[in-house]
Amino acid sequence: MKRIDAIIRPEKLQAVIKALRQVGITGFTVIPAQGRGQQKDVHGVYRGHTYDINLHPKLKLEIVVSNEYLERAIQAIVGAAQTGRMGDGKIFVYDVLEAYNIRTGTVDETLDELNR
């Protein structure tokens, strides 16, 4: 199994969800995030005071898939989230050794069953 962490623009969430569903991936977690990469600071004025925004709003998707679904998931995310501008995000992939079902306390093998 693999875990995919994808940092994306908030406005791309619905497109990414649709793309993931089209390749058969329905389970994921979405976490609000703020971050900094190569994207430039934004300067603003509020009540006459100038301020810099150096952390940009993002969303983090955490997805666990079987090894066979890894490339499909990555291509779906890139295809749906890419704008071609700085700040589109990043994808990180990790190995998952085991998963457990909290309700039953047993090893959770449904990922392999669902993603076949």
N, C-alpha and C. Protein backbone atom coordinates (compact mmCIF):
# COMPACT_ATOMS: atom_id res chain seq x y z
N MET A 1 0.84 -1.18 0.00
CA MET A 1 0.00 0.00 0.00
C MET A 1 0.88 1.24 0.00
N LYS A 2 0.33 2.30 -0.54
CA LYS A 2 1.03 3.58 -0.58
C LYS A 2 0.13 4.68 -0.02
N ARG A 3 0.73 5.67 0.61
CA ARG A 3 0.01 6.85 1.05
C ARG A 3 0.46 8.01 0.18
N ILE A 4 -0.51 8.73 -0.34
CA ILE A 4 -0.25 9.91 -1.16
C ILE A 4 -0.68 11.12 -0.35
N ASP A 5 0.23 12.07 -0.16
CA ASP A 5 -0.11 13.37 0.40
C ASP A 5 -0.02 14.36 -0.75
N ALA A 6 -1.12 15.01 -1.06
CA ALA A 6 -1.15 15.98 -2.15
C ALA A 6 -1.53 17.33 -1.58
N ILE A 7 -0.70 18.33 -1.83
CA ILE A 7 -0.98 19.70 -1.43
C ILE A 7 -1.49 20.41 -2.68
N ILE A 8 -2.73 20.92 -2.62
CA ILE A 8 -3.35 21.51 -3.81
C ILE A 8 -3.97 22.87 -3.48
N ARG A 9 -4.31 23.60 -4.53
CA ARG A 9 -5.05 24.86 -4.39
C ARG A 9 -6.48 24.53 -3.93
N PRO A 10 -7.03 25.31 -3.00
CA PRO A 10 -8.40 25.03 -2.52
C PRO A 10 -9.44 25.00 -3.64
N GLU A 11 -9.29 25.85 -4.63
CA GLU A 11 -10.30 25.92 -5.70
C GLU A 11 -10.25 24.70 -6.63
N LYS A 12 -9.26 23.86 -6.49
CA LYS A 12 -9.13 22.66 -7.33
C LYS A 12 -9.68 21.40 -6.66
N LEU A 13 -10.17 21.52 -5.44
CA LEU A 13 -10.62 20.34 -4.70
C LEU A 13 -11.70 19.55 -5.43
N GLN A 14 -12.75 20.20 -5.87
CA GLN A 14 -13.85 19.47 -6.51
C GLN A 14 -13.40 18.77 -7.79
N ALA A 15 -12.53 19.40 -8.56
CA ALA A 15 -12.01 18.77 -9.78
C ALA A 15 -11.17 17.55 -9.44
N VAL A 16 -10.37 17.64 -8.37
CA VAL A 16 -9.54 16.50 -7.96
C VAL A 16 -10.42 15.36 -7.46
N ILE A 17 -11.44 15.67 -6.67
CA ILE A 17 -12.34 14.62 -6.19
C ILE A 17 -13.01 13.91 -7.37
N LYS A 18 -13.48 14.68 -8.34
CA LYS A 18 -14.11 14.09 -9.53
C LYS A 18 -13.14 13.19 -10.28
N ALA A 19 -11.90 13.64 -10.45
CA ALA A 19 -10.88 12.86 -11.17
C ALA A 19 -10.55 11.57 -10.41
N LEU A 20 -10.45 11.64 -9.08
CA LEU A 20 -10.17 10.45 -8.29
C LEU A 20 -11.31 9.44 -8.39
N ARG A 21 -12.54 9.93 -8.34
CA ARG A 21 -13.69 9.02 -8.48
C ARG A 21 -13.69 8.33 -9.84
N GLN A 22 -13.29 9.05 -10.88
CA GLN A 22 -13.28 8.47 -12.22
C GLN A 22 -12.29 7.32 -12.35
N VAL A 23 -11.24 7.32 -11.52
CA VAL A 23 -10.29 6.20 -11.56
C VAL A 23 -10.54 5.19 -10.44
N GLY A 24 -11.68 5.33 -9.74
CA GLY A 24 -12.08 4.34 -8.76
C GLY A 24 -11.61 4.58 -7.35
N ILE A 25 -11.17 5.77 -7.02
CA ILE A 25 -10.70 6.08 -5.67
C ILE A 25 -11.75 6.97 -4.99
N THR A 26 -12.33 6.46 -3.91
CA THR A 26 -13.39 7.21 -3.24
C THR A 26 -13.05 7.60 -1.80
N GLY A 27 -12.01 7.02 -1.24
CA GLY A 27 -11.66 7.31 0.15
C GLY A 27 -10.44 8.19 0.26
N PHE A 28 -10.57 9.28 1.02
CA PHE A 28 -9.45 10.20 1.24
C PHE A 28 -9.80 11.12 2.39
N THR A 29 -8.81 11.84 2.88
CA THR A 29 -9.00 12.84 3.94
C THR A 29 -8.54 14.17 3.39
N VAL A 30 -9.30 15.23 3.70
CA VAL A 30 -8.95 16.59 3.28
C VAL A 30 -8.69 17.42 4.53
N ILE A 31 -7.53 18.07 4.55
CA ILE A 31 -7.11 18.86 5.70
C ILE A 31 -6.77 20.27 5.24
N PRO A 32 -7.33 21.31 5.88
CA PRO A 32 -6.94 22.68 5.53
C PRO A 32 -5.48 22.89 5.92
N ALA A 33 -4.75 23.61 5.09
CA ALA A 33 -3.33 23.84 5.36
C ALA A 33 -2.93 25.23 4.88
N GLN A 34 -1.82 25.70 5.39
CA GLN A 34 -1.18 26.92 4.90
C GLN A 34 0.26 26.57 4.64
N GLY A 35 0.84 27.17 3.62
CA GLY A 35 2.21 26.80 3.32
C GLY A 35 2.93 27.82 2.49
N ARG A 36 4.16 27.50 2.26
CA ARG A 36 5.06 28.40 1.55
C ARG A 36 5.95 27.57 0.64
N GLY A 37 6.00 27.93 -0.62
CA GLY A 37 6.90 27.29 -1.58
C GLY A 37 7.54 28.37 -2.42
N GLN A 38 7.48 28.21 -3.74
CA GLN A 38 8.06 29.22 -4.63
C GLN A 38 7.08 30.34 -4.95
N GLN A 39 5.83 30.17 -4.57
CA GLN A 39 4.81 31.18 -4.82
C GLN A 39 5.18 32.47 -4.08
N LYS A 40 4.99 33.61 -4.73
CA LYS A 40 5.39 34.89 -4.16
C LYS A 40 4.45 35.36 -3.07
N ASP A 41 4.98 36.27 -2.22
CA ASP A 41 4.15 36.89 -1.19
C ASP A 41 3.07 37.74 -1.85
N VAL A 42 1.98 37.91 -1.12
CA VAL A 42 0.91 38.80 -1.56
C VAL A 42 0.93 40.00 -0.62
N HIS A 43 0.87 41.20 -1.17
CA HIS A 43 0.86 42.41 -0.37
C HIS A 43 -0.54 42.98 -0.38
N GLY A 44 -1.00 43.40 0.79
CA GLY A 44 -2.34 43.95 0.88
C GLY A 44 -2.38 45.16 1.77
N VAL A 45 -3.51 45.86 1.72
CA VAL A 45 -3.73 47.01 2.58
C VAL A 45 -5.06 46.80 3.29
N TYR A 46 -5.04 46.95 4.61
CA TYR A 46 -6.26 46.81 5.39
C TYR A 46 -6.31 47.97 6.37
N ARG A 47 -7.34 48.80 6.26
CA ARG A 47 -7.51 49.98 7.11
C ARG A 47 -6.27 50.84 7.15
N GLY A 48 -5.69 51.03 5.99
CA GLY A 48 -4.55 51.92 5.86
C GLY A 48 -3.20 51.31 6.21
N HIS A 49 -3.19 50.06 6.64
CA HIS A 49 -1.92 49.41 6.98
C HIS A 49 -1.57 48.38 5.92
N THR A 50 -0.30 48.36 5.51
CA THR A 50 0.18 47.40 4.53
C THR A 50 0.61 46.13 5.28
N TYR A 51 0.28 45.00 4.70
CA TYR A 51 0.68 43.73 5.30
C TYR A 51 1.09 42.76 4.19
N ASP A 52 1.90 41.78 4.57
CA ASP A 52 2.36 40.75 3.65
C ASP A 52 1.74 39.42 4.06
N ILE A 53 1.25 38.68 3.07
CA ILE A 53 0.78 37.33 3.31
C ILE A 53 1.83 36.40 2.73
N ASN A 54 2.57 35.71 3.60
CA ASN A 54 3.62 34.84 3.11
C ASN A 54 3.29 33.36 3.28
N LEU A 55 2.13 33.06 3.86
CA LEU A 55 1.63 31.69 3.90
C LEU A 55 0.35 31.66 3.07
N HIS A 56 0.29 30.75 2.14
CA HIS A 56 -0.83 30.68 1.21
C HIS A 56 -1.79 29.56 1.60
N PRO A 57 -3.10 29.79 1.48
CA PRO A 57 -4.05 28.73 1.82
C PRO A 57 -3.95 27.57 0.83
N LYS A 58 -3.92 26.38 1.35
CA LYS A 58 -3.85 25.15 0.54
C LYS A 58 -4.75 24.10 1.19
N LEU A 59 -4.92 23.00 0.51
CA LEU A 59 -5.57 21.83 1.09
C LEU A 59 -4.63 20.66 0.96
N LYS A 60 -4.62 19.81 1.97
CA LYS A 60 -3.81 18.59 1.94
C LYS A 60 -4.75 17.40 1.83
N LEU A 61 -4.56 16.60 0.81
CA LEU A 61 -5.31 15.36 0.66
C LEU A 61 -4.41 14.21 1.07
N GLU A 62 -4.93 13.33 1.92
CA GLU A 62 -4.23 12.10 2.29
C GLU A 62 -5.04 10.95 1.73
N ILE A 63 -4.37 10.13 0.92
CA ILE A 63 -5.05 9.03 0.24
C ILE A 63 -4.18 7.78 0.40
N VAL A 64 -4.79 6.67 0.78
CA VAL A 64 -4.07 5.40 0.85
C VAL A 64 -4.65 4.50 -0.22
N VAL A 65 -3.77 3.98 -1.08
CA VAL A 65 -4.22 3.14 -2.20
C VAL A 65 -3.34 1.90 -2.28
N SER A 66 -3.86 0.89 -2.95
CA SER A 66 -3.02 -0.27 -3.24
C SER A 66 -1.98 0.14 -4.28
N ASN A 67 -0.92 -0.63 -4.36
CA ASN A 67 0.18 -0.28 -5.28
C ASN A 67 -0.30 -0.15 -6.73
N GLU A 68 -1.30 -0.95 -7.12
CA GLU A 68 -1.79 -0.91 -8.50
C GLU A 68 -2.48 0.41 -8.83
N TYR A 69 -2.99 1.10 -7.84
CA TYR A 69 -3.72 2.35 -8.06
C TYR A 69 -2.85 3.59 -7.93
N LEU A 70 -1.59 3.44 -7.58
CA LEU A 70 -0.73 4.59 -7.32
C LEU A 70 -0.61 5.52 -8.52
N GLU A 71 -0.22 5.00 -9.66
CA GLU A 71 -0.02 5.87 -10.84
C GLU A 71 -1.32 6.51 -11.30
N ARG A 72 -2.41 5.74 -11.24
CA ARG A 72 -3.71 6.31 -11.63
C ARG A 72 -4.08 7.48 -10.73
N ALA A 73 -3.85 7.34 -9.44
CA ALA A 73 -4.17 8.40 -8.49
C ALA A 73 -3.32 9.64 -8.75
N ILE A 74 -2.03 9.44 -8.95
CA ILE A 74 -1.13 10.57 -9.19
C ILE A 74 -1.52 11.30 -10.47
N GLN A 75 -1.78 10.57 -11.53
CA GLN A 75 -2.16 11.20 -12.80
C GLN A 75 -3.49 11.94 -12.67
N ALA A 76 -4.43 11.38 -11.91
CA ALA A 76 -5.72 12.05 -11.71
C ALA A 76 -5.53 13.37 -10.96
N ILE A 77 -4.70 13.36 -9.92
CA ILE A 77 -4.47 14.58 -9.14
C ILE A 77 -3.77 15.63 -9.99
N VAL A 78 -2.70 15.24 -10.67
CA VAL A 78 -1.96 16.21 -11.50
C VAL A 78 -2.86 16.78 -12.59
N GLY A 79 -3.60 15.92 -13.26
CA GLY A 79 -4.46 16.37 -14.34
C GLY A 79 -5.53 17.34 -13.89
N ALA A 80 -6.07 17.13 -12.69
CA ALA A 80 -7.16 17.98 -12.20
C ALA A 80 -6.67 19.23 -11.48
N ALA A 81 -5.49 19.17 -10.87
CA ALA A 81 -5.03 20.29 -10.04
C ALA A 81 -4.08 21.24 -10.74
N GLN A 82 -3.54 20.84 -11.87
CA GLN A 82 -2.50 21.62 -12.54
C GLN A 82 -3.07 22.84 -13.25
N THR A 83 -2.46 24.02 -12.96
CA THR A 83 -2.81 25.25 -13.68
C THR A 83 -1.64 25.76 -14.51
N GLY A 84 -0.44 25.26 -14.19
CA GLY A 84 0.75 25.73 -14.88
C GLY A 84 1.40 26.94 -14.22
N ARG A 85 0.83 27.36 -13.10
CA ARG A 85 1.39 28.52 -12.38
C ARG A 85 2.05 28.05 -11.09
N MET A 86 2.96 28.88 -10.57
CA MET A 86 3.57 28.58 -9.28
C MET A 86 2.48 28.47 -8.23
N GLY A 87 2.64 27.53 -7.33
CA GLY A 87 1.65 27.37 -6.26
C GLY A 87 0.66 26.26 -6.53
N ASP A 88 0.86 25.49 -7.61
CA ASP A 88 -0.06 24.38 -7.90
C ASP A 88 0.01 23.29 -6.85
N GLY A 89 1.16 23.12 -6.20
CA GLY A 89 1.27 22.16 -5.11
C GLY A 89 2.31 21.09 -5.33
N LYS A 90 2.27 20.08 -4.50
CA LYS A 90 3.23 18.96 -4.52
C LYS A 90 2.49 17.68 -4.19
N ILE A 91 3.10 16.57 -4.59
CA ILE A 91 2.60 15.24 -4.24
C ILE A 91 3.77 14.47 -3.61
N PHE A 92 3.50 13.86 -2.46
CA PHE A 92 4.49 13.03 -1.77
C PHE A 92 3.91 11.62 -1.65
N VAL A 93 4.76 10.61 -1.80
CA VAL A 93 4.32 9.21 -1.74
C VAL A 93 5.13 8.48 -0.67
N TYR A 94 4.42 7.74 0.19
CA TYR A 94 5.05 7.01 1.28
C TYR A 94 4.58 5.55 1.25
N ASP A 95 5.40 4.67 1.79
CA ASP A 95 5.00 3.28 1.98
C ASP A 95 4.11 3.18 3.21
N VAL A 96 3.06 2.36 3.13
CA VAL A 96 2.20 2.05 4.28
C VAL A 96 2.42 0.58 4.59
N LEU A 97 2.89 0.30 5.79
CA LEU A 97 3.19 -1.08 6.16
C LEU A 97 1.95 -1.85 6.55
N GLU A 98 1.05 -1.22 7.32
CA GLU A 98 -0.16 -1.89 7.75
C GLU A 98 -1.25 -0.84 7.98
N ALA A 99 -2.49 -1.30 7.93
CA ALA A 99 -3.63 -0.46 8.29
C ALA A 99 -4.55 -1.30 9.17
N TYR A 100 -5.14 -0.67 10.17
CA TYR A 100 -6.02 -1.37 11.09
C TYR A 100 -7.40 -0.72 11.10
N ASN A 101 -8.41 -1.54 11.21
CA ASN A 101 -9.78 -1.08 11.34
C ASN A 101 -10.04 -0.84 12.82
N ILE A 102 -10.35 0.39 13.20
CA ILE A 102 -10.54 0.71 14.62
C ILE A 102 -11.76 -0.01 15.17
N ARG A 103 -12.84 -0.08 14.39
CA ARG A 103 -14.07 -0.72 14.87
C ARG A 103 -13.83 -2.17 15.26
N THR A 104 -13.11 -2.92 14.43
CA THR A 104 -12.91 -4.35 14.69
C THR A 104 -11.57 -4.66 15.35
N GLY A 105 -10.61 -3.75 15.24
CA GLY A 105 -9.29 -3.99 15.81
C GLY A 105 -8.45 -4.94 14.98
N THR A 106 -8.89 -5.23 13.76
CA THR A 106 -8.17 -6.18 12.91
C THR A 106 -7.41 -5.45 11.82
N VAL A 107 -6.50 -6.18 11.19
CA VAL A 107 -5.78 -5.63 10.05
C VAL A 107 -6.79 -5.34 8.95
N ASP A 108 -6.72 -4.15 8.38
CA ASP A 108 -7.69 -3.72 7.36
C ASP A 108 -7.12 -4.03 5.98
N GLU A 109 -7.74 -4.98 5.32
CA GLU A 109 -7.29 -5.37 3.98
C GLU A 109 -8.27 -4.91 2.91
N THR A 110 -9.22 -4.05 3.26
CA THR A 110 -10.23 -3.61 2.30
C THR A 110 -9.64 -2.77 1.19
N LEU A 111 -8.52 -2.11 1.43
CA LEU A 111 -7.91 -1.31 0.37
C LEU A 111 -7.53 -2.19 -0.81
N ASP A 112 -6.94 -3.32 -0.53
CA ASP A 112 -6.57 -4.21 -1.61
C ASP A 112 -7.81 -4.78 -2.31
N GLU A 113 -8.86 -5.06 -1.54
CA GLU A 113 -10.08 -5.59 -2.12
C GLU A 113 -10.81 -4.54 -2.96
N LEU A 114 -10.88 -3.30 -2.46
CA LEU A 114 -11.60 -2.25 -3.16
C LEU A 114 -10.89 -1.79 -4.43
N ASN A 115 -9.58 -1.81 -4.40
CA ASN A 115 -8.81 -1.25 -5.51
C ASN A 115 -8.35 -2.31 -6.50
N ARG A 116 -9.04 -3.42 -6.59
CA ARG A 116 -8.68 -4.45 -7.57
C ARG A 116 -9.63 -4.42 -8.72
